[in-house]
C-alpha atoms as a PDB file:
ATOM      1  CA  UNK A   1       0.002   0.063  -0.577  1.00  0.00           C
ATOM      2  CA  UNK A   2       1.159   3.298  -1.075  1.00  0.00           C
ATOM      3  CA  UNK A   3       2.204   6.404   1.277  1.00  0.00           C
ATOM      4  CA  UNK A   4      -0.582   8.592  -0.011  1.00  0.00           C
ATOM      5  CA  UNK A   5      -3.848   5.941   0.494  1.00  0.00           C
ATOM      6  CA  UNK A   6      -1.825   5.467   3.929  1.00  0.00           C
ATOM      7  CA  UNK A   7      -1.839   9.776   5.285  1.00  0.00           C
ATOM      8  CA  UNK A   8      -6.215   9.650   4.373  1.00  0.00           C
ATOM      9  CA  UNK A   9      -5.997   6.779   6.300  1.00  0.00           C
ATOM     10  CA  UNK A  10      -3.485   8.075   9.198  1.00  0.00           C
ATOM     11  CA  UNK A  11      -5.926  11.130   9.583  1.00  0.00           C
ATOM     12  CA  UNK A  12      -8.760   9.669  10.205  1.00  0.00           C
ATOM     13  CA  UNK A  13      -7.260   8.260  13.415  1.00  0.00           C
ATOM     14  CA  UNK A  14      -5.621  10.949  14.289  1.00  0.00           C
ATOM     15  CA  UNK A  15      -9.025  12.159  14.399  1.00  0.00           C
ATOM     16  CA  UNK A  16     -11.076   9.988  16.258  1.00  0.00           C
ATOM     17  CA  UNK A  17      -7.879  10.064  18.641  1.00  0.00           C
ATOM     18  CA  UNK A  18      -9.306  12.852  19.980  1.00  0.00           C
ATOM     19  CA  UNK A  19     -12.737  12.706  19.851  1.00  0.00           C
ATOM     20  CA  UNK A  20     -12.334   9.443  21.938  1.00  0.00           C
ATOM     21  CA  UNK A  21     -10.141  10.251  23.976  1.00  0.00           C
ATOM     22  CA  UNK A  22     -11.815  13.718  24.876  1.00  0.00           C
ATOM     23  CA  UNK A  23     -15.682  11.550  25.108  1.00  0.00           C
ATOM     24  CA  UNK A  24     -13.671   9.221  27.592  1.00  0.00           C
ATOM     25  CA  UNK A  25     -12.775  12.366  30.168  1.00  0.00           C
ATOM     26  CA  UNK A  26     -16.499  13.551  29.707  1.00  0.00           C
ATOM     27  CA  UNK A  27     -18.378  10.507  30.694  1.00  0.00           C
ATOM     28  CA  UNK A  28     -16.345  10.076  33.567  1.00  0.00           C
ATOM     29  CA  UNK A  29     -17.095  13.361  34.471  1.00  0.00           C
ATOM     30  CA  UNK A  30     -20.721  12.597  34.593  1.00  0.00           C
ATOM     31  CA  UNK A  31     -20.252   8.837  36.190  1.00  0.00           C
ATOM     32  CA  UNK A  32     -18.900  10.592  39.227  1.00  0.00           C
ATOM     33  CA  UNK A  33     -22.325  10.961  40.701  1.00  0.00           C
ATOM     34  CA  UNK A  34     -23.326   7.478  40.789  1.00  0.00           C
ATOM     35  CA  UNK A  35     -19.578   6.072  40.968  1.00  0.00           C
ATOM     36  CA  UNK A  36     -16.029   6.306  42.908  1.00  0.00           C
ATOM     37  CA  UNK A  37     -13.109   6.561  41.042  1.00  0.00           C
ATOM     38  CA  UNK A  38     -12.433   3.332  41.533  1.00  0.00           C
ATOM     39  CA  UNK A  39     -15.177   2.235  40.317  1.00  0.00           C
ATOM     40  CA  UNK A  40     -13.907   4.069  36.382  1.00  0.00           C
ATOM     41  CA  UNK A  41     -10.781   2.438  36.878  1.00  0.00           C
ATOM     42  CA  UNK A  42     -11.592  -1.585  37.393  1.00  0.00           C
ATOM     43  CA  UNK A  43     -13.985  -0.448  33.938  1.00  0.00           C
ATOM     44  CA  UNK A  44     -11.131   0.875  32.192  1.00  0.00           C
ATOM     45  CA  UNK A  45      -8.408  -1.287  33.448  1.00  0.00           C
ATOM     46  CA  UNK A  46     -10.444  -4.469  33.349  1.00  0.00           C
ATOM     47  CA  UNK A  47     -11.669  -4.716  29.839  1.00  0.00           C
ATOM     48  CA  UNK A  48      -8.306  -3.685  28.596  1.00  0.00           C
ATOM     49  CA  UNK A  49      -6.822  -6.746  29.932  1.00  0.00           C
ATOM     50  CA  UNK A  50      -9.413  -9.700  29.143  1.00  0.00           C
ATOM     51  CA  UNK A  51      -9.286  -8.423  25.764  1.00  0.00           C
ATOM     52  CA  UNK A  52      -5.814  -7.345  24.966  1.00  0.00           C
ATOM     53  CA  UNK A  53      -4.246 -11.242  25.665  1.00  0.00           C
ATOM     54  CA  UNK A  54      -6.947 -12.530  22.829  1.00  0.00           C
ATOM     55  CA  UNK A  55      -5.266  -9.799  20.519  1.00  0.00           C
ATOM     56  CA  UNK A  56      -2.060 -10.491  20.900  1.00  0.00           C
ATOM     57  CA  UNK A  57      -2.764 -14.334  20.506  1.00  0.00           C
ATOM     58  CA  UNK A  58      -4.215 -13.749  17.425  1.00  0.00           C
ATOM     59  CA  UNK A  59      -1.357 -11.754  16.288  1.00  0.00           C
ATOM     60  CA  UNK A  60       1.313 -13.726  17.297  1.00  0.00           C
ATOM     61  CA  UNK A  61       2.965 -11.253  18.997  1.00  0.00           C
ATOM     62  CA  UNK A  62       5.488 -11.495  22.453  1.00  0.00           C
ATOM     63  CA  UNK A  63       2.662 -10.510  25.208  1.00  0.00           C
ATOM     64  CA  UNK A  64       5.373  -9.977  28.121  1.00  0.00           C
ATOM     65  CA  UNK A  65       8.347  -7.448  26.803  1.00  0.00           C
ATOM     66  CA  UNK A  66      11.102  -6.787  27.318  1.00  0.00           C
ATOM     67  CA  UNK A  67      12.708  -4.500  30.355  1.00  0.00           C
ATOM     68  CA  UNK A  68       9.902  -6.013  32.179  1.00  0.00           C
ATOM     69  CA  UNK A  69      10.537  -3.739  35.441  1.00  0.00           C
ATOM     70  CA  UNK A  70      10.015  -0.273  33.479  1.00  0.00           C
ATOM     71  CA  UNK A  71       6.967  -1.545  31.943  1.00  0.00           C
ATOM     72  CA  UNK A  72       5.808  -1.813  35.278  1.00  0.00           C
ATOM     73  CA  UNK A  73       7.275   1.355  36.164  1.00  0.00           C
ATOM     74  CA  UNK A  74       5.470   2.951  33.006  1.00  0.00           C
ATOM     75  CA  UNK A  75       1.917   0.913  34.420  1.00  0.00           C
ATOM     76  CA  UNK A  76       1.760   2.839  37.448  1.00  0.00           C
ATOM     77  CA  UNK A  77       3.212   6.132  36.449  1.00  0.00           C
ATOM     78  CA  UNK A  78      -0.543   5.670  33.299  1.00  0.00           C
ATOM     79  CA  UNK A  79      -2.509   4.158  36.241  1.00  0.00           C
ATOM     80  CA  UNK A  80      -1.536   6.614  39.307  1.00  0.00           C
ATOM     81  CA  UNK A  81      -2.332   9.341  35.965  1.00  0.00           C
ATOM     82  CA  UNK A  82      -5.426   8.247  34.685  1.00  0.00           C
ATOM     83  CA  UNK A  83      -7.143   7.959  38.796  1.00  0.00           C
ATOM     84  CA  UNK A  84      -5.339  11.477  39.678  1.00  0.00           C
ATOM     85  CA  UNK A  85      -6.794  13.194  37.133  1.00  0.00           C
ATOM     86  CA  UNK A  86     -10.565  11.470  36.898  1.00  0.00           C
ATOM     87  CA  UNK A  87     -10.268  12.156  41.172  1.00  0.00           C
ATOM     88  CA  UNK A  88      -9.493  15.871  39.553  1.00  0.00           C
ATOM     89  CA  UNK A  89     -12.852  15.737  37.436  1.00  0.00           C
ATOM     90  CA  UNK A  90     -15.310  14.847  40.581  1.00  0.00           C
ATOM     91  CA  UNK A  91     -13.390  18.537  43.334  1.00  0.00           C
ATOM     92  CA  UNK A  92     -12.559  20.946  40.233  1.00  0.00           C
ATOM     93  CA  UNK A  93     -14.786  22.493  37.049  1.00  0.00           C
ATOM     94  CA  UNK A  94     -14.036  19.913  33.924  1.00  0.00           C
ATOM     95  CA  UNK A  95     -12.632  22.285  31.566  1.00  0.00           C
ATOM     96  CA  UNK A  96      -9.330  23.705  34.868  1.00  0.00           C
ATOM     97  CA  UNK A  97      -8.497  20.835  35.480  1.00  0.00           C
ATOM     98  CA  UNK A  98      -8.204  19.604  31.165  1.00  0.00           C
ATOM     99  CA  UNK A  99      -5.971  22.845  31.098  1.00  0.00           C
ATOM    100  CA  UNK A 100      -4.028  21.797  33.950  1.00  0.00           C
ATOM    101  CA  UNK A 101      -3.558  18.821  33.124  1.00  0.00           C
ATOM    102  CA  UNK A 102      -2.426  18.841  29.102  1.00  0.00           C
ATOM    103  CA  UNK A 103       0.362  21.032  31.174  1.00  0.00           C
ATOM    104  CA  UNK A 104       2.869  17.525  29.724  1.00  0.00           C
ATOM    105  CA  UNK A 105       3.748  18.828  27.087  1.00  0.00           C
ATOM    106  CA  UNK A 106       5.981  21.225  29.144  1.00  0.00           C
ATOM    107  CA  UNK A 107       7.103  18.679  31.850  1.00  0.00           C
ATOM    108  CA  UNK A 108       7.917  16.017  29.058  1.00  0.00           C
ATOM    109  CA  UNK A 109      10.936  19.154  27.368  1.00  0.00           C
ATOM    110  CA  UNK A 110      11.631  19.024  31.456  1.00  0.00           C
ATOM    111  CA  UNK A 111      11.565  15.970  31.844  1.00  0.00           C
ATOM    112  CA  UNK A 112      13.034  14.738  28.679  1.00  0.00           C
ATOM    113  CA  UNK A 113      16.949  14.841  28.966  1.00  0.00           C
ATOM    114  CA  UNK A 114      16.623  12.942  32.248  1.00  0.00           C
ATOM    115  CA  UNK A 115      14.278  10.611  31.628  1.00  0.00           C
ATOM    116  CA  UNK A 116      14.766   9.852  27.419  1.00  0.00           C
ATOM    117  CA  UNK A 117      18.734  11.451  26.862  1.00  0.00           C
ATOM    118  CA  UNK A 118      16.772  13.728  24.174  1.00  0.00           C
ATOM    119  CA  UNK A 119      17.977  17.697  25.153  1.00  0.00           C
ATOM    120  CA  UNK A 120      15.773  20.318  25.345  1.00  0.00           C
ATOM    121  CA  UNK A 121      15.897  22.476  22.261  1.00  0.00           C
ATOM    122  CA  UNK A 122      16.104  26.004  23.246  1.00  0.00           C
ATOM    123  CA  UNK A 123      13.322  27.112  21.910  1.00  0.00           C
ATOM    124  CA  UNK A 124      10.868  25.419  23.798  1.00  0.00           C
ATOM    125  CA  UNK A 125      11.550  27.085  26.912  1.00  0.00           C
ATOM    126  CA  UNK A 126       9.711  30.237  25.148  1.00  0.00           C
ATOM    127  CA  UNK A 127       6.298  27.229  24.773  1.00  0.00           C
ATOM    128  CA  UNK A 128       7.715  26.378  28.376  1.00  0.00           C
ATOM    129  CA  UNK A 129       7.098  30.095  30.125  1.00  0.00           C
ATOM    130  CA  UNK A 130       4.692  30.283  28.160  1.00  0.00           C
ATOM    131  CA  UNK A 131       2.728  27.193  29.728  1.00  0.00           C
ATOM    132  CA  UNK A 132       3.876  28.566  33.518  1.00  0.00           C
ATOM    133  CA  UNK A 133       3.151  31.534  33.055  1.00  0.00           C
ATOM    134  CA  UNK A 134      -0.618  30.923  31.800  1.00  0.00           C
ATOM    135  CA  UNK A 135      -1.254  28.337  34.646  1.00  0.00           C
ATOM    136  CA  UNK A 136      -0.146  31.146  36.785  1.00  0.00           C
ATOM    137  CA  UNK A 137      -3.161  32.775  35.840  1.00  0.00           C
ATOM    138  CA  UNK A 138      -5.521  31.020  35.957  1.00  0.00           C
ATOM    139  CA  UNK A 139      -4.407  29.416  39.014  1.00  0.00           C
ATOM    140  CA  UNK A 140      -3.740  33.131  40.339  1.00  0.00           C
ATOM    141  CA  UNK A 141      -7.565  34.380  39.455  1.00  0.00           C
ATOM    142  CA  UNK A 142      -9.337  31.154  40.750  1.00  0.00           C
ATOM    143  CA  UNK A 143      -7.641  31.186  44.029  1.00  0.00           C
ATOM    144  CA  UNK A 144      -8.868  34.838  44.699  1.00  0.00           C
ATOM    145  CA  UNK A 145     -12.180  33.726  43.486  1.00  0.00           C
ATOM    146  CA  UNK A 146     -12.485  30.439  46.436  1.00  0.00           C
ATOM    147  CA  UNK A 147      -9.499  28.023  47.974  1.00  0.00           C
ATOM    148  CA  UNK A 148      -7.512  25.889  45.398  1.00  0.00           C
ATOM    149  CA  UNK A 149      -7.942  22.436  46.932  1.00  0.00           C
ATOM    150  CA  UNK A 150      -6.727  18.954  46.247  1.00  0.00           C
ATOM    151  CA  UNK A 151      -8.669  18.489  42.698  1.00  0.00           C
ATOM    152  CA  UNK A 152      -5.909  21.172  41.187  1.00  0.00           C
ATOM    153  CA  UNK A 153      -3.058  19.500  42.745  1.00  0.00           C
ATOM    154  CA  UNK A 154      -4.254  16.184  41.497  1.00  0.00           C
ATOM    155  CA  UNK A 155      -4.905  17.296  38.045  1.00  0.00           C
ATOM    156  CA  UNK A 156      -1.090  19.071  37.964  1.00  0.00           C
ATOM    157  CA  UNK A 157       0.334  15.367  39.654  1.00  0.00           C
ATOM    158  CA  UNK A 158      -1.493  13.951  36.546  1.00  0.00           C
ATOM    159  CA  UNK A 159       0.185  15.926  34.154  1.00  0.00           C
ATOM    160  CA  UNK A 160       3.932  14.829  35.545  1.00  0.00           C
ATOM    161  CA  UNK A 161       2.810  11.454  35.653  1.00  0.00           C
ATOM    162  CA  UNK A 162       1.286  11.541  31.741  1.00  0.00           C
ATOM    163  CA  UNK A 163       4.161  13.280  31.226  1.00  0.00           C
ATOM    164  CA  UNK A 164       6.912  10.857  33.042  1.00  0.00           C
ATOM    165  CA  UNK A 165       4.823   7.555  31.011  1.00  0.00           C
ATOM    166  CA  UNK A 166       4.911   9.022  27.328  1.00  0.00           C
ATOM    167  CA  UNK A 167       9.109   9.417  28.408  1.00  0.00           C
ATOM    168  CA  UNK A 168       8.958   5.854  28.736  1.00  0.00           C
ATOM    169  CA  UNK A 169       6.671   3.861  26.024  1.00  0.00           C
ATOM    170  CA  UNK A 170       9.182   6.305  23.951  1.00  0.00           C
ATOM    171  CA  UNK A 171      12.047   4.203  25.443  1.00  0.00           C
ATOM    172  CA  UNK A 172      10.068   0.974  25.762  1.00  0.00           C
ATOM    173  CA  UNK A 173       8.697   0.875  22.113  1.00  0.00           C
ATOM    174  CA  UNK A 174      11.803   0.456  20.433  1.00  0.00           C
ATOM    175  CA  UNK A 175      11.943  -3.066  22.121  1.00  0.00           C
ATOM    176  CA  UNK A 176       7.748  -3.650  22.608  1.00  0.00           C
ATOM    177  CA  UNK A 177       4.876  -3.358  20.847  1.00  0.00           C
ATOM    178  CA  UNK A 178       1.858  -1.434  21.570  1.00  0.00           C
ATOM    179  CA  UNK A 179      -0.058  -3.802  22.892  1.00  0.00           C
ATOM    180  CA  UNK A 180       2.790  -4.916  25.819  1.00  0.00           C
ATOM    181  CA  UNK A 181       2.923  -1.569  26.622  1.00  0.00           C
ATOM    182  CA  UNK A 182      -1.013  -1.257  26.994  1.00  0.00           C
ATOM    183  CA  UNK A 183      -1.547  -5.021  28.299  1.00  0.00           C
ATOM    184  CA  UNK A 184       0.720  -3.803  31.742  1.00  0.00           C
ATOM    185  CA  UNK A 185      -1.095  -0.058  31.782  1.00  0.00           C
ATOM    186  CA  UNK A 186      -4.404  -2.319  32.436  1.00  0.00           C
ATOM    187  CA  UNK A 187      -2.816  -5.277  34.603  1.00  0.00           C
ATOM    188  CA  UNK A 188      -1.020  -2.847  36.646  1.00  0.00           C
ATOM    189  CA  UNK A 189      -3.657   0.224  36.633  1.00  0.00           C
ATOM    190  CA  UNK A 190      -6.355  -3.591  37.082  1.00  0.00           C
ATOM    191  CA  UNK A 191      -4.793  -4.285  40.393  1.00  0.00           C
ATOM    192  CA  UNK A 192      -4.505  -0.554  41.667  1.00  0.00           C
ATOM    193  CA  UNK A 193      -7.991   0.034  41.490  1.00  0.00           C
ATOM    194  CA  UNK A 194      -9.272  -3.777  42.804  1.00  0.00           C
ATOM    195  CA  UNK A 195      -8.173  -3.005  45.956  1.00  0.00           C
ATOM    196  CA  UNK A 196      -9.530   0.250  46.906  1.00  0.00           C
ATOM    197  CA  UNK A 197     -12.774  -1.070  45.372  1.00  0.00           C
ATOM    198  CA  UNK A 198     -13.279  -4.223  47.590  1.00  0.00           C
ATOM    199  CA  UNK A 199     -12.306  -1.607  50.502  1.00  0.00           C
ATOM    200  CA  UNK A 200     -15.170   1.071  50.365  1.00  0.00           C
ATOM    201  CA  UNK A 201     -18.002   1.811  51.516  1.00  0.00           C
ATOM    202  CA  UNK A 202     -20.043   1.696  48.647  1.00  0.00           C
ATOM    203  CA  UNK A 203     -21.421  -1.304  46.471  1.00  0.00           C
ATOM    204  CA  UNK A 204     -18.755  -3.179  44.999  1.00  0.00           C
ATOM    205  CA  UNK A 205     -21.203  -3.505  41.629  1.00  0.00           C
ATOM    206  CA  UNK A 206     -23.404   0.236  40.698  1.00  0.00           C
ATOM    207  CA  UNK A 207     -26.578  -0.486  41.548  1.00  0.00           C
ATOM    208  CA  UNK A 208     -27.815   2.065  38.548  1.00  0.00           C
ATOM    209  CA  UNK A 209     -28.476   1.151  34.906  1.00  0.00           C
ATOM    210  CA  UNK A 210     -26.609   4.635  34.161  1.00  0.00           C
ATOM    211  CA  UNK A 211     -23.476   3.794  37.089  1.00  0.00           C
ATOM    212  CA  UNK A 212     -23.535   1.082  34.455  1.00  0.00           C
ATOM    213  CA  UNK A 213     -23.418   2.936  31.347  1.00  0.00           C
ATOM    214  CA  UNK A 214     -20.901   5.314  32.754  1.00  0.00           C
ATOM    215  CA  UNK A 215     -18.302   2.801  33.332  1.00  0.00           C
ATOM    216  CA  UNK A 216     -18.937   1.232  30.173  1.00  0.00           C
ATOM    217  CA  UNK A 217     -18.648   3.802  28.365  1.00  0.00           C
ATOM    218  CA  UNK A 218     -15.606   5.123  29.949  1.00  0.00           C
ATOM    219  CA  UNK A 219     -13.897   1.745  29.168  1.00  0.00           C
ATOM    220  CA  UNK A 220     -15.144   2.099  25.692  1.00  0.00           C
ATOM    221  CA  UNK A 221     -14.244   5.090  24.681  1.00  0.00           C
ATOM    222  CA  UNK A 222     -10.510   4.538  26.946  1.00  0.00           C
ATOM    223  CA  UNK A 223     -10.334   0.919  24.300  1.00  0.00           C
ATOM    224  CA  UNK A 224     -11.183   3.233  20.937  1.00  0.00           C
ATOM    225  CA  UNK A 225      -9.445   5.930  22.382  1.00  0.00           C
ATOM    226  CA  UNK A 226      -5.578   3.720  22.771  1.00  0.00           C
ATOM    227  CA  UNK A 227      -6.289   1.889  19.265  1.00  0.00           C
ATOM    228  CA  UNK A 228      -7.320   5.445  17.291  1.00  0.00           C
ATOM    229  CA  UNK A 229      -3.970   6.873  18.293  1.00  0.00           C
ATOM    230  CA  UNK A 230      -1.673   3.392  17.866  1.00  0.00           C
ATOM    231  CA  UNK A 231      -3.546   3.391  14.604  1.00  0.00           C
ATOM    232  CA  UNK A 232      -2.356   6.919  13.735  1.00  0.00           C
ATOM    233  CA  UNK A 233       1.237   6.751  14.205  1.00  0.00           C
ATOM    234  CA  UNK A 234       1.623   4.460  12.350  1.00  0.00           C
ATOM    235  CA  UNK A 235       0.400   6.499   9.704  1.00  0.00           C
ATOM    236  CA  UNK A 236       1.176   9.566  10.786  1.00  0.00           C
ATOM    237  CA  UNK A 237       3.909  11.312  11.349  1.00  0.00           C
ATOM    238  CA  UNK A 238       4.118  11.640  15.760  1.00  0.00           C
ATOM    239  CA  UNK A 239       4.384  15.077  15.789  1.00  0.00           C
ATOM    240  CA  UNK A 240       0.974  15.257  13.587  1.00  0.00           C
ATOM    241  CA  UNK A 241      -0.307  13.235  15.908  1.00  0.00           C
ATOM    242  CA  UNK A 242       0.732  15.211  18.930  1.00  0.00           C
ATOM    243  CA  UNK A 243      -0.453  18.604  17.309  1.00  0.00           C
ATOM    244  CA  UNK A 244      -4.643  16.835  16.654  1.00  0.00           C
ATOM    245  CA  UNK A 245      -4.389  15.689  20.041  1.00  0.00           C
ATOM    246  CA  UNK A 246      -4.702  18.724  21.466  1.00  0.00           C
ATOM    247  CA  UNK A 247      -7.788  18.633  19.626  1.00  0.00           C
ATOM    248  CA  UNK A 248      -9.391  17.184  23.163  1.00  0.00           C
ATOM    249  CA  UNK A 249      -8.901  19.982  25.110  1.00  0.00           C
ATOM    250  CA  UNK A 250     -11.056  22.641  23.352  1.00  0.00           C
ATOM    251  CA  UNK A 251     -13.430  19.689  23.606  1.00  0.00           C
ATOM    252  CA  UNK A 252     -13.713  18.325  26.273  1.00  0.00           C
ATOM    253  CA  UNK A 253     -13.628  22.178  28.303  1.00  0.00           C
ATOM    254  CA  UNK A 254     -15.648  23.307  25.843  1.00  0.00           C
ATOM    255  CA  UNK A 255     -18.817  20.868  27.108  1.00  0.00           C
ATOM    256  CA  UNK A 256     -17.856  21.477  31.047  1.00  0.00           C
ATOM    257  CA  UNK A 257     -18.643  25.632  29.604  1.00  0.00           C
ATOM    258  CA  UNK A 258     -21.533  24.984  27.389  1.00  0.00           C
ATOM    259  CA  UNK A 259     -23.426  22.679  29.082  1.00  0.00           C
ATOM    260  CA  UNK A 260     -21.978  21.678  32.655  1.00  0.00           C
ATOM    261  CA  UNK A 261     -22.033  25.863  33.183  1.00  0.00           C
ATOM    262  CA  UNK A 262     -18.810  26.274  34.654  1.00  0.00           C
ATOM    263  CA  UNK A 263     -17.438  29.370  35.143  1.00  0.00           C
ATOM    264  CA  UNK A 264     -15.427  31.684  32.483  1.00  0.00           C
ATOM    265  CA  UNK A 265     -13.083  34.005  33.128  1.00  0.00           C
ATOM    266  CA  UNK A 266     -10.132  36.472  31.463  1.00  0.00           C
ATOM    267  CA  UNK A 267      -7.957  34.695  33.210  1.00  0.00           C
ATOM    268  CA  UNK A 268      -8.658  31.473  31.931  1.00  0.00           C
ATOM    269  CA  UNK A 269      -9.381  32.602  28.829  1.00  0.00           C
ATOM    270  CA  UNK A 270      -5.955  34.009  28.808  1.00  0.00           C
ATOM    271  CA  UNK A 271      -4.373  31.118  30.110  1.00  0.00           C
ATOM    272  CA  UNK A 272      -5.923  28.130  28.198  1.00  0.00           C
ATOM    273  CA  UNK A 273      -4.984  30.375  25.295  1.00  0.00           C
ATOM    274  CA  UNK A 274      -0.987  30.364  26.137  1.00  0.00           C
ATOM    275  CA  UNK A 275      -0.915  26.688  27.896  1.00  0.00           C
ATOM    276  CA  UNK A 276      -2.523  25.418  24.225  1.00  0.00           C
ATOM    277  CA  UNK A 277      -0.644  27.696  22.408  1.00  0.00           C
ATOM    278  CA  UNK A 278       2.709  26.879  24.079  1.00  0.00           C
ATOM    279  CA  UNK A 279       1.560  22.497  24.484  1.00  0.00           C
ATOM    280  CA  UNK A 280       1.398  22.723  20.097  1.00  0.00           C
ATOM    281  CA  UNK A 281       4.831  24.739  19.598  1.00  0.00           C
ATOM    282  CA  UNK A 282       6.179  21.612  22.298  1.00  0.00           C
ATOM    283  CA  UNK A 283       4.827  19.505  20.008  1.00  0.00           C
ATOM    284  CA  UNK A 284       5.795  20.650  16.568  1.00  0.00           C
ATOM    285  CA  UNK A 285       9.320  20.774  17.950  1.00  0.00           C
ATOM    286  CA  UNK A 286      11.862  18.090  16.535  1.00  0.00           C
ATOM    287  CA  UNK A 287      12.849  15.146  19.194  1.00  0.00           C
ATOM    288  CA  UNK A 288      15.868  14.577  17.753  1.00  0.00           C
ATOM    289  CA  UNK A 289      19.255  14.424  20.246  1.00  0.00           C
ATOM    290  CA  UNK A 290      21.773  16.223  18.118  1.00  0.00           C
ATOM    291  CA  UNK A 291      19.525  19.550  18.900  1.00  0.00           C
ATOM    292  CA  UNK A 292      21.243  22.008  20.666  1.00  0.00           C
END
């Protein structure tokens, strides 16, 4: 199959990925009224844990992979990032949590020299400063109208852990297939969610139909999102996929502002534009180690 035929298909997958991730975030926010973080985590990771081994066996690939300790670390970081972000959705406005979370491109650039051995280009510091000013403006104005809470902290930590996850994926992806990476993510996530789920005071199994729909939506949209972005990366340049993934920010934030009636201020708009623009700029930068 020629590259000309592959690129349009890759563009389709790259367009679907932010939509599925956005749908997963929105579903998690709405389901939070009926379910705990552990319900959503067990649903999301449990489905992947059941499906991935079947897919890997059908394709004749290696499931357990190489550098298993780092694979588990990657799974732990990704799991913690997801659970903390879901917790943040339940504590602060969806649009605010998503903007804070999308600091991860700036954090990735900061951590890249130590984790992936890729020097941070000088021009990246311009975008890192832009993100820092943006988040400072948002939090400053938000603190002026009310106290900050754990939701802000959780979204920030989730951003850092997401950056670590992406850097580990970049490192581990050289010797492992994408299904192995996702399998460890689901394995660690299932274990991390099931233990608190069994210990919580809420019922282990949801008692409402709407709650089951919420768990199913998060799990299915998560699987579709991972499938879409993996297919996109196989057919489309990674920097372009990263830029298109930033479409999740206006999609999810727009839902929070328009449908959920979340507050909007000039500080949020300016800060969000700084973070959003800086994320796009960082994703457009090359990542070769020869950069200064």
